[in-house]
């Protein structure tokens, strides 16, 4: 996969950056565990992409299980750990809404449009969305992005699939595909 510094990387969080909690949520830092190889992968990816943004649905806030401040605390510690290993995430966008029809909730395009407003140079045709659900894949495809599926929580999903351009076991394998 050939990219240059003008490309943007969009990442989902749960199941891509950290272990997803089945039928639950990461509600505190002590519940957050990085997926294997993620810190090394983000170090590699930070050198290849000019922008790396996180786009994450966080329904737990809308359900009253976590506050915005609590989520910020988790993300601050996550960013510190990533930075300490030479990686980076330039901006985090999250949707706290419960309803699937919320404009910011993936696969809807609200978080992509927020990123474009903050970084007007983003060209979605020169962007990659890495996620672990068909919702993530649809989010990417609807914007014209290249999509990379990580089967961390949905290993049964078939590949090839019309919403998936690539399938990688994790972020570290994906980082090895980037040239």
N, C-alpha and C. Protein backbone atom coordinates (compact mmCIF):
# COMPACT_ATOMS: atom_id res chain seq x y z
N UNK A 1 0.86 -1.17 0.00
CA UNK A 1 0.00 0.00 0.00
C UNK A 1 0.90 1.23 0.00
N UNK A 2 0.89 1.99 -1.07
CA UNK A 2 1.76 3.15 -1.19
C UNK A 2 1.04 4.41 -0.75
N UNK A 3 1.63 5.10 0.20
CA UNK A 3 1.10 6.37 0.66
C UNK A 3 2.25 7.37 0.73
N UNK A 4 1.89 8.64 0.92
CA UNK A 4 2.91 9.65 1.19
C UNK A 4 2.40 10.50 2.35
N UNK A 5 3.16 11.53 2.69
CA UNK A 5 2.85 12.31 3.89
C UNK A 5 1.55 13.09 3.79
N UNK A 6 0.93 13.14 2.61
CA UNK A 6 -0.34 13.86 2.48
C UNK A 6 -1.54 13.02 2.94
N UNK A 7 -1.30 11.77 3.26
CA UNK A 7 -2.39 10.86 3.66
C UNK A 7 -2.75 11.03 5.13
N UNK A 8 -4.01 10.71 5.44
CA UNK A 8 -4.53 10.76 6.81
C UNK A 8 -4.95 9.36 7.23
N UNK A 9 -4.63 9.01 8.46
CA UNK A 9 -5.04 7.73 9.02
C UNK A 9 -6.15 7.97 10.04
N UNK A 10 -7.28 7.32 9.84
CA UNK A 10 -8.40 7.32 10.79
C UNK A 10 -8.39 5.98 11.49
N UNK A 11 -8.47 6.00 12.81
CA UNK A 11 -8.46 4.77 13.60
C UNK A 11 -9.68 4.71 14.50
N UNK A 12 -10.29 3.55 14.57
CA UNK A 12 -11.27 3.28 15.61
C UNK A 12 -10.47 2.99 16.89
N UNK A 13 -11.13 3.03 18.04
CA UNK A 13 -10.40 2.77 19.29
C UNK A 13 -10.60 1.34 19.78
N UNK A 14 -11.78 1.03 20.29
CA UNK A 14 -12.02 -0.27 20.92
C UNK A 14 -11.92 -1.39 19.88
N UNK A 15 -11.02 -2.33 20.13
CA UNK A 15 -10.80 -3.44 19.21
C UNK A 15 -9.71 -3.17 18.19
N UNK A 16 -9.20 -1.93 18.15
CA UNK A 16 -8.09 -1.57 17.26
C UNK A 16 -6.90 -1.09 18.09
N UNK A 17 -7.13 -0.07 18.93
CA UNK A 17 -6.09 0.46 19.81
C UNK A 17 -6.04 -0.34 21.11
N UNK A 18 -7.19 -0.58 21.67
CA UNK A 18 -7.27 -1.31 22.95
C UNK A 18 -8.19 -2.51 22.81
N UNK A 19 -8.06 -3.44 23.75
CA UNK A 19 -8.94 -4.60 23.79
C UNK A 19 -10.36 -4.15 24.03
N UNK A 20 -11.27 -4.64 23.20
CA UNK A 20 -12.69 -4.33 23.39
C UNK A 20 -13.24 -5.22 24.50
N UNK A 21 -14.09 -4.65 25.33
CA UNK A 21 -14.73 -5.41 26.39
C UNK A 21 -16.06 -5.92 25.85
N UNK A 22 -16.18 -7.23 25.73
CA UNK A 22 -17.39 -7.81 25.16
C UNK A 22 -18.60 -7.44 25.99
N UNK A 23 -19.62 -6.89 25.31
CA UNK A 23 -20.87 -6.48 25.96
C UNK A 23 -20.63 -5.50 27.11
N UNK A 24 -19.57 -4.69 26.99
CA UNK A 24 -19.28 -3.72 28.03
C UNK A 24 -18.47 -2.56 27.48
N UNK A 25 -17.95 -1.75 28.38
CA UNK A 25 -17.23 -0.54 28.00
C UNK A 25 -15.97 -0.38 28.84
N UNK A 26 -15.01 0.31 28.29
CA UNK A 26 -13.84 0.74 29.05
C UNK A 26 -14.26 1.99 29.81
N UNK A 27 -14.40 1.86 31.11
CA UNK A 27 -14.92 2.95 31.93
C UNK A 27 -13.86 3.61 32.81
N UNK A 28 -12.65 3.09 32.82
CA UNK A 28 -11.56 3.68 33.59
C UNK A 28 -10.24 3.20 33.00
N UNK A 29 -9.17 3.90 33.35
CA UNK A 29 -7.85 3.55 32.81
C UNK A 29 -7.44 2.13 33.18
N UNK A 30 -7.83 1.67 34.36
CA UNK A 30 -7.41 0.31 34.75
C UNK A 30 -8.14 -0.77 33.94
N UNK A 31 -9.16 -0.40 33.19
CA UNK A 31 -9.85 -1.34 32.29
C UNK A 31 -9.28 -1.29 30.87
N UNK A 32 -8.41 -0.33 30.61
CA UNK A 32 -7.86 -0.10 29.27
C UNK A 32 -6.61 -0.95 29.09
N UNK A 33 -6.60 -1.79 28.07
CA UNK A 33 -5.42 -2.60 27.75
C UNK A 33 -5.15 -2.47 26.26
N UNK A 34 -3.94 -2.07 25.91
CA UNK A 34 -3.57 -1.95 24.50
C UNK A 34 -3.64 -3.31 23.82
N UNK A 35 -4.12 -3.32 22.57
CA UNK A 35 -4.04 -4.51 21.74
C UNK A 35 -2.56 -4.82 21.51
N UNK A 36 -2.24 -6.07 21.32
CA UNK A 36 -0.86 -6.50 21.11
C UNK A 36 -0.26 -5.79 19.89
N UNK A 37 0.93 -5.23 20.07
CA UNK A 37 1.66 -4.61 18.96
C UNK A 37 1.26 -3.18 18.63
N UNK A 38 0.25 -2.64 19.29
CA UNK A 38 -0.27 -1.31 18.94
C UNK A 38 0.76 -0.21 19.17
N UNK A 39 1.46 -0.24 20.29
CA UNK A 39 2.41 0.83 20.57
C UNK A 39 3.54 0.85 19.56
N UNK A 40 4.04 -0.30 19.18
CA UNK A 40 5.07 -0.38 18.14
C UNK A 40 4.50 0.08 16.80
N UNK A 41 3.28 -0.32 16.49
CA UNK A 41 2.66 0.06 15.22
C UNK A 41 2.48 1.57 15.13
N UNK A 42 2.03 2.19 16.22
CA UNK A 42 1.80 3.64 16.18
C UNK A 42 3.11 4.41 16.02
N UNK A 43 4.19 3.87 16.52
CA UNK A 43 5.50 4.48 16.30
C UNK A 43 5.82 4.48 14.80
N UNK A 44 5.60 3.35 14.13
CA UNK A 44 5.85 3.23 12.69
C UNK A 44 4.91 4.15 11.91
N UNK A 45 3.64 4.12 12.25
CA UNK A 45 2.62 4.89 11.51
C UNK A 45 2.81 6.39 11.68
N UNK A 46 3.30 6.82 12.84
CA UNK A 46 3.54 8.25 13.09
C UNK A 46 4.56 8.82 12.11
N UNK A 47 5.45 7.99 11.61
CA UNK A 47 6.47 8.43 10.67
C UNK A 47 5.95 8.46 9.23
N UNK A 48 4.83 7.81 8.99
CA UNK A 48 4.33 7.66 7.62
C UNK A 48 3.14 8.56 7.29
N UNK A 49 2.34 8.91 8.30
CA UNK A 49 1.14 9.72 8.07
C UNK A 49 1.32 11.11 8.67
N UNK A 50 0.86 12.12 7.94
CA UNK A 50 0.95 13.48 8.47
C UNK A 50 -0.11 13.73 9.54
N UNK A 51 -1.22 13.02 9.45
CA UNK A 51 -2.29 13.16 10.44
C UNK A 51 -2.80 11.77 10.82
N UNK A 52 -2.95 11.59 12.13
CA UNK A 52 -3.57 10.37 12.65
C UNK A 52 -4.69 10.82 13.58
N UNK A 53 -5.90 10.41 13.27
CA UNK A 53 -7.04 10.80 14.10
C UNK A 53 -7.81 9.56 14.56
N UNK A 54 -8.34 9.67 15.74
CA UNK A 54 -9.13 8.61 16.34
C UNK A 54 -10.60 9.00 16.23
N UNK A 55 -11.44 8.09 15.77
CA UNK A 55 -12.88 8.32 15.68
C UNK A 55 -13.57 7.17 16.40
N UNK A 56 -14.24 7.48 17.50
CA UNK A 56 -14.76 6.42 18.36
C UNK A 56 -16.17 6.71 18.85
N UNK A 57 -17.05 5.75 18.69
CA UNK A 57 -18.38 5.83 19.28
C UNK A 57 -18.24 5.50 20.76
N UNK A 58 -18.77 6.36 21.61
CA UNK A 58 -18.69 6.13 23.05
C UNK A 58 -20.08 6.27 23.66
N UNK A 59 -20.94 5.32 23.30
CA UNK A 59 -22.33 5.28 23.76
C UNK A 59 -22.42 5.24 25.29
N UNK A 60 -21.37 4.76 25.94
CA UNK A 60 -21.38 4.67 27.41
C UNK A 60 -21.61 6.03 28.06
N UNK A 61 -21.20 7.11 27.41
CA UNK A 61 -21.44 8.45 27.96
C UNK A 61 -22.92 8.78 27.90
N UNK A 62 -23.54 8.55 26.75
CA UNK A 62 -24.97 8.79 26.61
C UNK A 62 -25.81 7.94 27.55
N UNK A 63 -25.29 6.79 27.90
CA UNK A 63 -26.01 5.90 28.82
C UNK A 63 -25.73 6.24 30.29
N UNK A 64 -24.89 7.24 30.53
CA UNK A 64 -24.62 7.67 31.90
C UNK A 64 -23.63 6.81 32.65
N UNK A 65 -22.88 5.96 31.94
CA UNK A 65 -21.92 5.06 32.58
C UNK A 65 -20.54 5.69 32.74
N UNK A 66 -20.28 6.73 31.96
CA UNK A 66 -18.99 7.42 31.97
C UNK A 66 -19.26 8.88 31.63
N UNK A 67 -18.47 9.77 32.21
CA UNK A 67 -18.62 11.20 31.91
C UNK A 67 -17.62 11.60 30.82
N UNK A 68 -17.84 12.77 30.23
CA UNK A 68 -16.86 13.31 29.28
C UNK A 68 -15.50 13.45 29.95
N UNK A 69 -15.49 13.91 31.20
CA UNK A 69 -14.24 14.08 31.95
C UNK A 69 -13.56 12.72 32.15
N UNK A 70 -14.32 11.71 32.48
CA UNK A 70 -13.76 10.37 32.65
C UNK A 70 -13.14 9.85 31.36
N UNK A 71 -13.81 10.10 30.23
CA UNK A 71 -13.27 9.68 28.94
C UNK A 71 -11.97 10.45 28.64
N UNK A 72 -11.95 11.74 28.95
CA UNK A 72 -10.74 12.54 28.73
C UNK A 72 -9.58 12.01 29.56
N UNK A 73 -9.86 11.57 30.79
CA UNK A 73 -8.80 11.01 31.64
C UNK A 73 -8.21 9.75 31.01
N UNK A 74 -9.07 8.88 30.50
CA UNK A 74 -8.61 7.65 29.83
C UNK A 74 -7.76 8.02 28.62
N UNK A 75 -8.27 8.96 27.81
CA UNK A 75 -7.56 9.34 26.58
C UNK A 75 -6.24 10.04 26.88
N UNK A 76 -6.17 10.83 27.93
CA UNK A 76 -4.91 11.49 28.30
C UNK A 76 -3.85 10.45 28.62
N UNK A 77 -4.20 9.45 29.42
CA UNK A 77 -3.25 8.39 29.78
C UNK A 77 -2.88 7.56 28.54
N UNK A 78 -3.86 7.29 27.67
CA UNK A 78 -3.59 6.54 26.44
C UNK A 78 -2.59 7.31 25.57
N UNK A 79 -2.81 8.61 25.39
CA UNK A 79 -1.91 9.42 24.57
C UNK A 79 -0.52 9.50 25.18
N UNK A 80 -0.43 9.59 26.49
CA UNK A 80 0.88 9.61 27.16
C UNK A 80 1.64 8.31 26.89
N UNK A 81 0.96 7.18 26.99
CA UNK A 81 1.60 5.89 26.74
C UNK A 81 2.04 5.76 25.28
N UNK A 82 1.21 6.23 24.36
CA UNK A 82 1.54 6.18 22.93
C UNK A 82 2.74 7.07 22.65
N UNK A 83 2.72 8.28 23.17
CA UNK A 83 3.80 9.24 22.96
C UNK A 83 5.12 8.73 23.54
N UNK A 84 5.06 8.08 24.69
CA UNK A 84 6.27 7.56 25.33
C UNK A 84 6.95 6.50 24.47
N UNK A 85 6.20 5.87 23.56
CA UNK A 85 6.75 4.85 22.67
C UNK A 85 7.03 5.40 21.27
N UNK A 86 6.95 6.73 21.12
CA UNK A 86 7.28 7.35 19.83
C UNK A 86 6.12 7.45 18.86
N UNK A 87 4.93 7.12 19.30
CA UNK A 87 3.76 7.23 18.44
C UNK A 87 3.01 8.52 18.69
N UNK A 88 1.92 8.71 17.97
CA UNK A 88 1.09 9.89 18.20
C UNK A 88 -0.30 9.69 17.63
N UNK A 89 -1.24 10.39 18.23
CA UNK A 89 -2.58 10.58 17.68
C UNK A 89 -2.81 12.08 17.75
N UNK A 90 -3.11 12.69 16.61
CA UNK A 90 -3.20 14.14 16.54
C UNK A 90 -4.49 14.71 17.10
N UNK A 91 -5.58 13.98 16.99
CA UNK A 91 -6.86 14.48 17.49
C UNK A 91 -7.77 13.28 17.75
N UNK A 92 -8.59 13.41 18.77
CA UNK A 92 -9.57 12.37 19.09
C UNK A 92 -10.96 12.96 18.94
N UNK A 93 -11.79 12.27 18.17
CA UNK A 93 -13.20 12.63 18.03
C UNK A 93 -14.02 11.48 18.60
N UNK A 94 -15.04 11.83 19.37
CA UNK A 94 -15.88 10.77 19.92
C UNK A 94 -17.33 11.21 19.86
N UNK A 95 -18.20 10.22 19.76
CA UNK A 95 -19.63 10.46 19.74
C UNK A 95 -20.24 9.82 20.98
N UNK A 96 -20.81 10.64 21.88
CA UNK A 96 -21.39 10.11 23.11
C UNK A 96 -22.84 9.64 22.95
N UNK A 97 -23.41 9.87 21.77
CA UNK A 97 -24.85 9.66 21.57
C UNK A 97 -25.23 8.19 21.57
N UNK A 98 -26.43 7.92 22.05
CA UNK A 98 -26.94 6.55 22.14
C UNK A 98 -27.58 6.12 20.82
N UNK A 99 -28.32 7.03 20.18
CA UNK A 99 -29.11 6.67 19.00
C UNK A 99 -28.24 6.51 17.76
N UNK A 100 -28.49 5.44 17.00
CA UNK A 100 -27.72 5.17 15.79
C UNK A 100 -27.91 6.24 14.72
N UNK A 101 -29.00 7.01 14.78
CA UNK A 101 -29.23 8.02 13.76
C UNK A 101 -28.53 9.35 14.07
N UNK A 102 -27.78 9.40 15.17
CA UNK A 102 -27.02 10.61 15.50
C UNK A 102 -26.03 10.91 14.37
N UNK A 103 -25.93 12.16 13.93
CA UNK A 103 -25.02 12.48 12.83
C UNK A 103 -23.55 12.18 13.13
N UNK A 104 -23.16 12.17 14.41
CA UNK A 104 -21.74 11.92 14.72
C UNK A 104 -21.45 10.45 14.95
N UNK A 105 -22.47 9.63 15.06
CA UNK A 105 -22.24 8.21 15.36
C UNK A 105 -21.90 7.44 14.09
N UNK A 106 -20.74 6.77 14.10
CA UNK A 106 -20.38 5.96 12.93
C UNK A 106 -21.46 4.90 12.72
N UNK A 107 -21.85 4.66 11.48
CA UNK A 107 -21.17 5.01 10.24
C UNK A 107 -21.51 6.41 9.68
N UNK A 108 -22.33 7.18 10.36
CA UNK A 108 -22.64 8.53 9.87
C UNK A 108 -21.37 9.37 9.85
N UNK A 109 -21.37 10.45 9.09
CA UNK A 109 -20.11 11.13 8.76
C UNK A 109 -19.72 12.29 9.67
N UNK A 110 -20.41 12.48 10.78
CA UNK A 110 -20.14 13.65 11.63
C UNK A 110 -18.69 13.79 12.08
N UNK A 111 -18.09 12.70 12.53
CA UNK A 111 -16.70 12.80 13.01
C UNK A 111 -15.73 13.04 11.85
N UNK A 112 -16.03 12.50 10.67
CA UNK A 112 -15.20 12.78 9.49
C UNK A 112 -15.27 14.26 9.14
N UNK A 113 -16.48 14.82 9.22
CA UNK A 113 -16.64 16.24 8.89
C UNK A 113 -15.97 17.13 9.95
N UNK A 114 -16.00 16.72 11.22
CA UNK A 114 -15.29 17.46 12.26
C UNK A 114 -13.78 17.48 11.95
N UNK A 115 -13.25 16.32 11.57
CA UNK A 115 -11.83 16.22 11.24
C UNK A 115 -11.49 17.11 10.05
N UNK A 116 -12.33 17.10 9.05
CA UNK A 116 -12.11 17.93 7.85
C UNK A 116 -12.17 19.41 8.20
N UNK A 117 -13.06 19.80 9.12
CA UNK A 117 -13.14 21.20 9.55
C UNK A 117 -11.87 21.60 10.30
N UNK A 118 -11.33 20.70 11.12
CA UNK A 118 -10.12 21.00 11.88
C UNK A 118 -8.86 20.91 11.03
N UNK A 119 -8.88 20.04 10.04
CA UNK A 119 -7.74 19.83 9.15
C UNK A 119 -8.25 19.92 7.71
N UNK A 120 -8.44 21.13 7.19
CA UNK A 120 -9.05 21.30 5.85
C UNK A 120 -8.29 20.61 4.73
N UNK A 121 -7.02 20.32 4.97
CA UNK A 121 -6.21 19.66 3.93
C UNK A 121 -6.53 18.17 3.80
N UNK A 122 -7.34 17.62 4.67
CA UNK A 122 -7.68 16.19 4.55
C UNK A 122 -8.40 15.95 3.23
N UNK A 123 -7.90 14.96 2.51
CA UNK A 123 -8.52 14.48 1.27
C UNK A 123 -8.95 13.04 1.57
N UNK A 124 -10.25 12.81 1.63
CA UNK A 124 -10.74 11.48 2.02
C UNK A 124 -10.31 10.40 1.04
N UNK A 125 -10.02 10.75 -0.20
CA UNK A 125 -9.54 9.75 -1.15
C UNK A 125 -8.09 9.39 -0.87
N UNK A 126 -7.44 10.15 0.02
CA UNK A 126 -6.08 9.85 0.46
C UNK A 126 -6.10 9.65 1.97
N UNK A 127 -7.05 8.81 2.39
CA UNK A 127 -7.21 8.50 3.81
C UNK A 127 -7.51 7.01 3.95
N UNK A 128 -7.13 6.48 5.10
CA UNK A 128 -7.37 5.07 5.41
C UNK A 128 -8.12 5.01 6.73
N UNK A 129 -9.19 4.21 6.75
CA UNK A 129 -9.95 3.95 7.98
C UNK A 129 -9.64 2.54 8.43
N UNK A 130 -9.12 2.41 9.66
CA UNK A 130 -8.86 1.09 10.24
C UNK A 130 -9.86 0.89 11.38
N UNK A 131 -10.64 -0.18 11.26
CA UNK A 131 -11.64 -0.46 12.28
C UNK A 131 -11.93 -1.93 12.39
N UNK A 132 -12.79 -2.26 13.36
CA UNK A 132 -13.09 -3.68 13.62
C UNK A 132 -14.56 -4.02 13.47
N UNK A 133 -15.34 -3.12 12.86
CA UNK A 133 -16.77 -3.41 12.62
C UNK A 133 -17.15 -3.00 11.21
N UNK A 134 -18.27 -3.52 10.74
CA UNK A 134 -18.78 -3.09 9.44
C UNK A 134 -19.21 -1.63 9.48
N UNK A 135 -19.61 -1.14 10.65
CA UNK A 135 -19.92 0.28 10.81
C UNK A 135 -18.69 1.13 10.50
N UNK A 136 -17.52 0.73 11.00
CA UNK A 136 -16.27 1.44 10.70
C UNK A 136 -15.98 1.40 9.20
N UNK A 137 -16.19 0.24 8.60
CA UNK A 137 -15.90 0.08 7.17
C UNK A 137 -16.84 0.97 6.34
N UNK A 138 -18.12 0.99 6.70
CA UNK A 138 -19.08 1.83 5.98
C UNK A 138 -18.73 3.30 6.15
N UNK A 139 -18.35 3.70 7.36
CA UNK A 139 -17.91 5.07 7.63
C UNK A 139 -16.80 5.46 6.66
N UNK A 140 -15.80 4.61 6.54
CA UNK A 140 -14.68 4.89 5.63
C UNK A 140 -15.12 4.91 4.18
N UNK A 141 -15.81 3.88 3.75
CA UNK A 141 -16.24 3.78 2.35
C UNK A 141 -17.12 4.96 1.94
N UNK A 142 -18.04 5.36 2.82
CA UNK A 142 -18.95 6.47 2.50
C UNK A 142 -18.21 7.78 2.27
N UNK A 143 -17.01 7.91 2.84
CA UNK A 143 -16.20 9.12 2.64
C UNK A 143 -15.21 8.97 1.48
N UNK A 144 -15.14 7.76 0.92
CA UNK A 144 -14.19 7.51 -0.17
C UNK A 144 -12.82 7.06 0.30
N UNK A 145 -12.73 6.60 1.56
CA UNK A 145 -11.46 6.15 2.12
C UNK A 145 -11.16 4.71 1.74
N UNK A 146 -9.89 4.34 1.84
CA UNK A 146 -9.48 2.94 1.81
C UNK A 146 -9.79 2.37 3.19
N UNK A 147 -10.30 1.14 3.23
CA UNK A 147 -10.68 0.56 4.52
C UNK A 147 -9.83 -0.67 4.85
N UNK A 148 -9.52 -0.78 6.14
CA UNK A 148 -8.74 -1.91 6.66
C UNK A 148 -9.52 -2.49 7.83
N UNK A 149 -9.88 -3.74 7.71
CA UNK A 149 -10.66 -4.42 8.75
C UNK A 149 -9.74 -5.23 9.65
N UNK A 150 -9.93 -5.06 10.96
CA UNK A 150 -9.21 -5.85 11.97
C UNK A 150 -10.25 -6.74 12.66
N UNK A 151 -10.13 -8.05 12.53
CA UNK A 151 -11.18 -8.96 13.01
C UNK A 151 -11.11 -9.28 14.50
N UNK A 152 -10.74 -8.31 15.31
CA UNK A 152 -10.54 -8.55 16.75
C UNK A 152 -11.81 -9.02 17.45
N UNK A 153 -12.95 -8.48 17.07
CA UNK A 153 -14.20 -8.87 17.74
C UNK A 153 -15.21 -9.49 16.79
N UNK A 154 -14.93 -9.47 15.50
CA UNK A 154 -15.83 -10.06 14.51
C UNK A 154 -15.05 -10.96 13.54
N UNK A 155 -14.36 -11.99 14.07
CA UNK A 155 -13.54 -12.82 13.19
C UNK A 155 -14.34 -13.60 12.15
N UNK A 156 -15.66 -13.72 12.38
CA UNK A 156 -16.48 -14.50 11.47
C UNK A 156 -16.84 -13.74 10.19
N UNK A 157 -16.61 -12.43 10.15
CA UNK A 157 -16.96 -11.67 8.96
C UNK A 157 -16.09 -12.12 7.79
N UNK A 158 -16.72 -12.40 6.64
CA UNK A 158 -15.97 -12.93 5.51
C UNK A 158 -15.11 -11.86 4.83
N UNK A 159 -14.03 -12.32 4.24
CA UNK A 159 -13.19 -11.47 3.41
C UNK A 159 -12.79 -12.31 2.21
N UNK A 160 -12.88 -11.81 0.98
CA UNK A 160 -13.20 -10.43 0.62
C UNK A 160 -14.65 -10.04 0.96
N UNK A 161 -14.81 -8.73 1.14
CA UNK A 161 -16.10 -8.14 1.49
C UNK A 161 -16.15 -6.77 0.80
N UNK A 162 -17.32 -6.37 0.29
CA UNK A 162 -17.39 -5.11 -0.46
C UNK A 162 -17.02 -3.86 0.36
N UNK A 163 -17.13 -3.93 1.70
CA UNK A 163 -16.79 -2.77 2.53
C UNK A 163 -15.33 -2.76 2.96
N UNK A 164 -14.61 -3.87 2.73
CA UNK A 164 -13.23 -4.01 3.21
C UNK A 164 -12.27 -4.07 2.03
N UNK A 165 -11.28 -3.15 2.05
CA UNK A 165 -10.23 -3.22 1.04
C UNK A 165 -9.11 -4.18 1.48
N UNK A 166 -8.83 -4.18 2.77
CA UNK A 166 -7.78 -5.03 3.34
C UNK A 166 -8.29 -5.63 4.64
N UNK A 167 -7.69 -6.73 5.02
CA UNK A 167 -7.96 -7.35 6.32
C UNK A 167 -6.61 -7.67 6.94
N UNK A 168 -6.40 -7.17 8.16
CA UNK A 168 -5.13 -7.39 8.87
C UNK A 168 -5.44 -7.90 10.26
N UNK A 169 -4.54 -8.70 10.80
CA UNK A 169 -4.76 -9.27 12.13
C UNK A 169 -4.73 -8.19 13.22
N UNK A 170 -4.03 -7.11 12.97
CA UNK A 170 -3.94 -6.03 13.95
C UNK A 170 -3.21 -4.84 13.35
N UNK A 171 -3.04 -3.82 14.16
CA UNK A 171 -2.42 -2.58 13.69
C UNK A 171 -0.95 -2.81 13.31
N UNK A 172 -0.27 -3.73 13.96
CA UNK A 172 1.12 -3.99 13.64
C UNK A 172 1.25 -4.61 12.25
N UNK A 173 0.39 -5.56 11.92
CA UNK A 173 0.42 -6.12 10.56
C UNK A 173 0.12 -5.03 9.54
N UNK A 174 -0.89 -4.20 9.82
CA UNK A 174 -1.22 -3.09 8.92
C UNK A 174 -0.01 -2.17 8.72
N UNK A 175 0.70 -1.84 9.79
CA UNK A 175 1.84 -0.93 9.68
C UNK A 175 2.91 -1.50 8.76
N UNK A 176 2.99 -2.82 8.66
CA UNK A 176 3.94 -3.47 7.76
C UNK A 176 3.55 -3.39 6.31
N UNK A 177 2.29 -3.10 6.02
CA UNK A 177 1.82 -2.99 4.63
C UNK A 177 2.09 -1.60 4.04
N UNK A 178 2.29 -0.62 4.90
CA UNK A 178 2.44 0.76 4.45
C UNK A 178 3.85 1.01 3.93
N UNK A 179 3.93 1.54 2.72
CA UNK A 179 5.24 1.87 2.13
C UNK A 179 5.25 3.31 1.71
